[in-house]
């Protein structure tokens, strides 16, 4: 596994004539947790989706999990766990069936045992055979969290993860993010909750109008200080 799990140099993307990301640089090392914050439309989710191999950069160079994109996208995906606003689950399948499907796609060894372990971790054992469409939003997002962790990815990419998780899911996610610092994984977290950054991240990256305008450590800083630095960056 490379020490640098993400390396972006001058990456850009546009939706038609609307520029979403322009000339953005981003490095994420093993063991690091990086929060990306910024106003609505700043390009945060677009940058995350490029790193997740879901969008192609229109310009610049992007390497993820040691693979240059877009050519190495399929290999890079094997090391990526992605959590979005949408649980990305098949609604007519059960949580167990959804996880079995993804386990097959990722070639997870001993999938039944791994799935049972994750269903227990996200407190869905009692609902494991119900259709996803009858689950609450919080339960569906806990299933999404289990799906993200299923293949034991080295790089976690999370788009506003705390916004949709219930209390049980939030506690599990925060435990997982704590573990990233010591087990050689990395996490990139897009968030509007700037006060939470000091709790879940080691670095703050601020975007404005598609560009990175701040990239600095937050270790030892309290929520008020992080908020002040954010406000200065977007002013």
Protein backbone atom coordinates (compact mmCIF):
# COMPACT_ATOMS: atom_id res chain seq x y z
CA UNK A 1 0.00 0.00 0.00
CA UNK A 2 1.40 3.45 -0.90
CA UNK A 3 2.09 5.93 1.93
CA UNK A 4 0.22 8.59 -0.04
CA UNK A 5 -3.29 7.27 -0.69
CA UNK A 6 -4.47 10.37 -2.56
CA UNK A 7 -2.39 12.74 -4.66
CA UNK A 8 -4.23 15.39 -6.69
CA UNK A 9 -2.46 18.08 -8.68
CA UNK A 10 -4.41 20.77 -10.47
CA UNK A 11 -7.55 18.68 -10.86
CA UNK A 12 -10.63 20.28 -12.36
CA UNK A 13 -14.19 19.35 -13.25
CA UNK A 14 -17.15 21.15 -14.76
CA UNK A 15 -20.83 20.41 -15.30
CA UNK A 16 -21.46 21.82 -18.74
CA UNK A 17 -20.32 25.43 -18.58
CA UNK A 18 -20.37 25.54 -14.78
CA UNK A 19 -16.97 25.08 -13.20
CA UNK A 20 -17.22 22.96 -10.06
CA UNK A 21 -13.54 22.36 -9.21
CA UNK A 22 -10.58 24.30 -10.60
CA UNK A 23 -6.86 23.65 -10.15
CA UNK A 24 -7.26 21.79 -6.85
CA UNK A 25 -4.38 20.07 -5.02
CA UNK A 26 -4.89 17.48 -2.29
CA UNK A 27 -2.63 14.95 -0.56
CA UNK A 28 -3.89 12.34 1.90
CA UNK A 29 -1.40 10.07 3.65
CA UNK A 30 -1.93 6.74 5.39
CA UNK A 31 -3.14 7.29 8.94
CA UNK A 32 -4.53 10.74 8.15
CA UNK A 33 -8.06 12.11 8.48
CA UNK A 34 -8.83 15.11 6.28
CA UNK A 35 -12.01 17.19 6.52
CA UNK A 36 -13.10 19.21 3.48
CA UNK A 37 -15.39 22.13 4.30
CA UNK A 38 -16.78 25.09 2.40
CA UNK A 39 -19.99 26.87 1.40
CA UNK A 40 -22.63 25.23 -0.76
CA UNK A 41 -21.35 24.90 -4.32
CA UNK A 42 -17.70 25.15 -3.29
CA UNK A 43 -16.84 21.88 -5.07
CA UNK A 44 -16.37 19.64 -2.03
CA UNK A 45 -18.53 16.73 -3.15
CA UNK A 46 -17.27 16.98 -6.74
CA UNK A 47 -13.67 16.67 -5.55
CA UNK A 48 -14.62 13.72 -3.34
CA UNK A 49 -16.41 12.00 -6.24
CA UNK A 50 -13.32 12.38 -8.41
CA UNK A 51 -11.21 10.73 -5.71
CA UNK A 52 -13.88 8.00 -5.45
CA UNK A 53 -13.46 7.36 -9.23
CA UNK A 54 -17.11 8.34 -9.82
CA UNK A 55 -16.18 11.43 -11.87
CA UNK A 56 -13.26 11.92 -14.25
CA UNK A 57 -11.06 14.99 -13.82
CA UNK A 58 -11.24 17.29 -16.84
CA UNK A 59 -7.71 18.47 -16.13
CA UNK A 60 -4.80 17.77 -13.80
CA UNK A 61 -3.36 14.54 -12.39
CA UNK A 62 -5.03 12.30 -9.81
CA UNK A 63 -3.55 9.20 -8.19
CA UNK A 64 -5.58 7.13 -5.71
CA UNK A 65 -4.30 4.02 -3.91
CA UNK A 66 -1.17 4.26 -6.07
CA UNK A 67 -3.22 4.09 -9.29
CA UNK A 68 -3.25 6.92 -11.81
CA UNK A 69 -6.81 7.80 -12.79
CA UNK A 70 -8.81 7.25 -14.87
CA UNK A 71 -6.84 4.27 -16.20
CA UNK A 72 -6.38 2.62 -12.79
CA UNK A 73 -9.89 3.34 -11.52
CA UNK A 74 -11.00 -0.29 -11.26
CA UNK A 75 -7.95 -1.30 -9.23
CA UNK A 76 -8.21 1.81 -7.04
CA UNK A 77 -11.85 1.04 -6.19
CA UNK A 78 -10.84 -2.16 -4.44
CA UNK A 79 -9.23 -0.06 -1.72
CA UNK A 80 -11.96 2.60 -1.46
CA UNK A 81 -14.99 2.68 0.84
CA UNK A 82 -17.51 5.38 -0.12
CA UNK A 83 -20.39 6.69 2.01
CA UNK A 84 -22.77 9.11 0.31
CA UNK A 85 -26.11 10.76 1.13
CA UNK A 86 -27.87 7.85 -0.62
CA UNK A 87 -27.38 4.45 1.07
CA UNK A 88 -26.75 2.92 -2.40
CA UNK A 89 -28.80 -0.12 -1.38
CA UNK A 90 -31.30 -2.17 -3.39
CA UNK A 91 -34.60 -1.35 -1.69
CA UNK A 92 -36.34 -4.66 -2.39
CA UNK A 93 -33.44 -6.69 -1.02
CA UNK A 94 -32.71 -7.20 2.65
CA UNK A 95 -29.60 -5.83 4.39
CA UNK A 96 -28.08 -9.32 4.35
CA UNK A 97 -28.80 -9.74 0.62
CA UNK A 98 -27.39 -6.31 -0.17
CA UNK A 99 -24.17 -7.05 1.68
CA UNK A 100 -23.85 -10.47 0.05
CA UNK A 101 -24.17 -8.83 -3.37
CA UNK A 102 -21.45 -6.30 -2.60
CA UNK A 103 -19.28 -9.00 -1.04
CA UNK A 104 -19.44 -10.90 -4.32
CA UNK A 105 -18.50 -7.78 -6.30
CA UNK A 106 -15.47 -7.15 -4.09
CA UNK A 107 -14.44 -10.78 -3.74
CA UNK A 108 -14.70 -10.69 0.07
CA UNK A 109 -13.38 -13.96 1.57
CA UNK A 110 -15.71 -15.84 3.95
CA UNK A 111 -18.52 -13.36 3.21
CA UNK A 112 -21.19 -14.88 5.46
CA UNK A 113 -19.07 -14.47 8.59
CA UNK A 114 -17.97 -10.97 7.61
CA UNK A 115 -21.56 -9.90 6.91
CA UNK A 116 -22.85 -11.31 10.19
CA UNK A 117 -20.10 -9.45 12.05
CA UNK A 118 -20.98 -6.14 10.37
CA UNK A 119 -24.73 -6.56 10.81
CA UNK A 120 -24.06 -7.02 14.51
CA UNK A 121 -21.75 -3.96 14.63
CA UNK A 122 -24.38 -1.70 13.03
CA UNK A 123 -27.17 -3.21 15.16
CA UNK A 124 -29.18 -4.59 12.24
CA UNK A 125 -29.23 -8.30 13.13
CA UNK A 126 -32.93 -8.12 14.09
CA UNK A 127 -33.80 -6.47 10.75
CA UNK A 128 -31.28 -8.30 8.58
CA UNK A 129 -33.93 -10.08 6.49
CA UNK A 130 -36.42 -7.22 6.10
CA UNK A 131 -36.57 -5.30 2.83
CA UNK A 132 -34.48 -2.13 2.97
CA UNK A 133 -37.48 -0.06 1.87
CA UNK A 134 -39.22 -0.67 5.24
CA UNK A 135 -36.22 0.40 7.31
CA UNK A 136 -35.89 3.86 8.83
CA UNK A 137 -33.50 6.36 7.26
CA UNK A 138 -31.06 5.88 10.13
CA UNK A 139 -31.11 2.10 9.71
CA UNK A 140 -30.56 2.40 5.97
CA UNK A 141 -27.53 4.61 6.58
CA UNK A 142 -26.15 2.13 9.10
CA UNK A 143 -26.46 -0.48 6.36
CA UNK A 144 -24.54 1.92 4.09
CA UNK A 145 -21.85 2.15 6.75
CA UNK A 146 -21.61 -1.64 6.86
CA UNK A 147 -21.39 -1.71 3.05
CA UNK A 148 -18.55 0.85 3.13
CA UNK A 149 -16.57 -1.27 5.60
CA UNK A 150 -17.42 -4.65 4.06
CA UNK A 151 -14.24 -5.17 2.00
CA UNK A 152 -11.99 -3.56 4.65
CA UNK A 153 -10.97 -0.58 2.47
CA UNK A 154 -7.84 1.43 3.19
CA UNK A 155 -9.35 4.75 2.08
CA UNK A 156 -12.69 5.94 3.50
CA UNK A 157 -14.48 8.68 1.56
CA UNK A 158 -17.47 10.18 3.38
CA UNK A 159 -19.87 12.84 2.11
CA UNK A 160 -21.69 14.58 4.99
CA UNK A 161 -21.76 11.26 6.90
CA UNK A 162 -23.15 12.57 10.19
CA UNK A 163 -26.12 14.28 8.53
CA UNK A 164 -28.04 11.05 7.87
CA UNK A 165 -26.79 8.71 10.58
CA UNK A 166 -28.73 8.13 13.77
CA UNK A 167 -27.04 8.15 17.18
CA UNK A 168 -25.94 4.50 16.97
CA UNK A 169 -24.48 5.00 13.50
CA UNK A 170 -22.71 8.21 14.51
CA UNK A 171 -21.05 6.49 17.47
CA UNK A 172 -19.83 3.64 15.26
CA UNK A 173 -18.55 6.01 12.59
CA UNK A 174 -16.63 8.12 15.10
CA UNK A 175 -15.04 4.97 16.53
CA UNK A 176 -14.02 3.94 13.02
CA UNK A 177 -12.53 7.38 12.31
CA UNK A 178 -10.56 7.22 15.57
CA UNK A 179 -9.09 3.89 14.48
CA UNK A 180 -7.91 5.34 11.15
CA UNK A 181 -5.10 7.21 12.92
CA UNK A 182 -3.47 4.03 14.20
CA UNK A 183 -4.18 1.32 11.63
CA UNK A 184 -2.72 2.86 8.49
CA UNK A 185 -5.98 3.70 6.75
CA UNK A 186 -7.04 7.21 5.73
CA UNK A 187 -10.32 9.14 5.66
CA UNK A 188 -11.59 12.13 3.72
CA UNK A 189 -14.74 13.67 5.19
CA UNK A 190 -16.81 16.32 3.40
CA UNK A 191 -18.74 18.27 6.01
CA UNK A 192 -20.74 21.42 6.74
CA UNK A 193 -20.32 20.83 10.47
CA UNK A 194 -17.16 22.87 10.95
CA UNK A 195 -17.35 22.62 14.74
CA UNK A 196 -17.10 18.82 14.43
CA UNK A 197 -13.88 18.99 12.37
CA UNK A 198 -11.53 19.09 15.36
CA UNK A 199 -13.20 15.92 16.67
CA UNK A 200 -13.05 13.79 13.51
CA UNK A 201 -10.08 15.12 11.50
CA UNK A 202 -6.38 15.95 11.69
CA UNK A 203 -6.42 18.45 8.82
CA UNK A 204 -8.88 21.00 7.53
CA UNK A 205 -9.13 21.73 3.82
CA UNK A 206 -11.40 24.64 2.91
CA UNK A 207 -12.79 25.12 -0.59
CA UNK A 208 -14.38 28.21 -2.06
CA UNK A 209 -15.65 28.62 -5.64
CA UNK A 210 -14.02 25.37 -6.71
CA UNK A 211 -10.57 26.11 -5.31
CA UNK A 212 -8.68 25.01 -2.20
CA UNK A 213 -8.11 28.18 -0.17
CA UNK A 214 -6.86 26.64 3.10
CA UNK A 215 -5.10 23.40 4.02
CA UNK A 216 -3.74 23.16 7.56
CA UNK A 217 -3.59 20.90 10.65
CA UNK A 218 -6.27 21.20 13.32
CA UNK A 219 -4.60 19.12 16.04
CA UNK A 220 -4.97 20.74 19.44
CA UNK A 221 -7.49 23.31 18.22
CA UNK A 222 -10.94 23.71 19.68
CA UNK A 223 -14.17 24.11 17.70
CA UNK A 224 -14.21 27.91 18.04
CA UNK A 225 -10.69 28.28 16.68
CA UNK A 226 -11.40 25.94 13.78
CA UNK A 227 -14.58 27.88 12.98
CA UNK A 228 -12.62 31.17 13.04
CA UNK A 229 -10.00 29.83 10.60
CA UNK A 230 -12.77 28.55 8.33
CA UNK A 231 -14.57 31.90 8.34
CA UNK A 232 -11.34 33.72 7.50
CA UNK A 233 -10.70 31.36 4.59
CA UNK A 234 -14.10 31.82 2.95
CA UNK A 235 -14.34 35.59 3.57
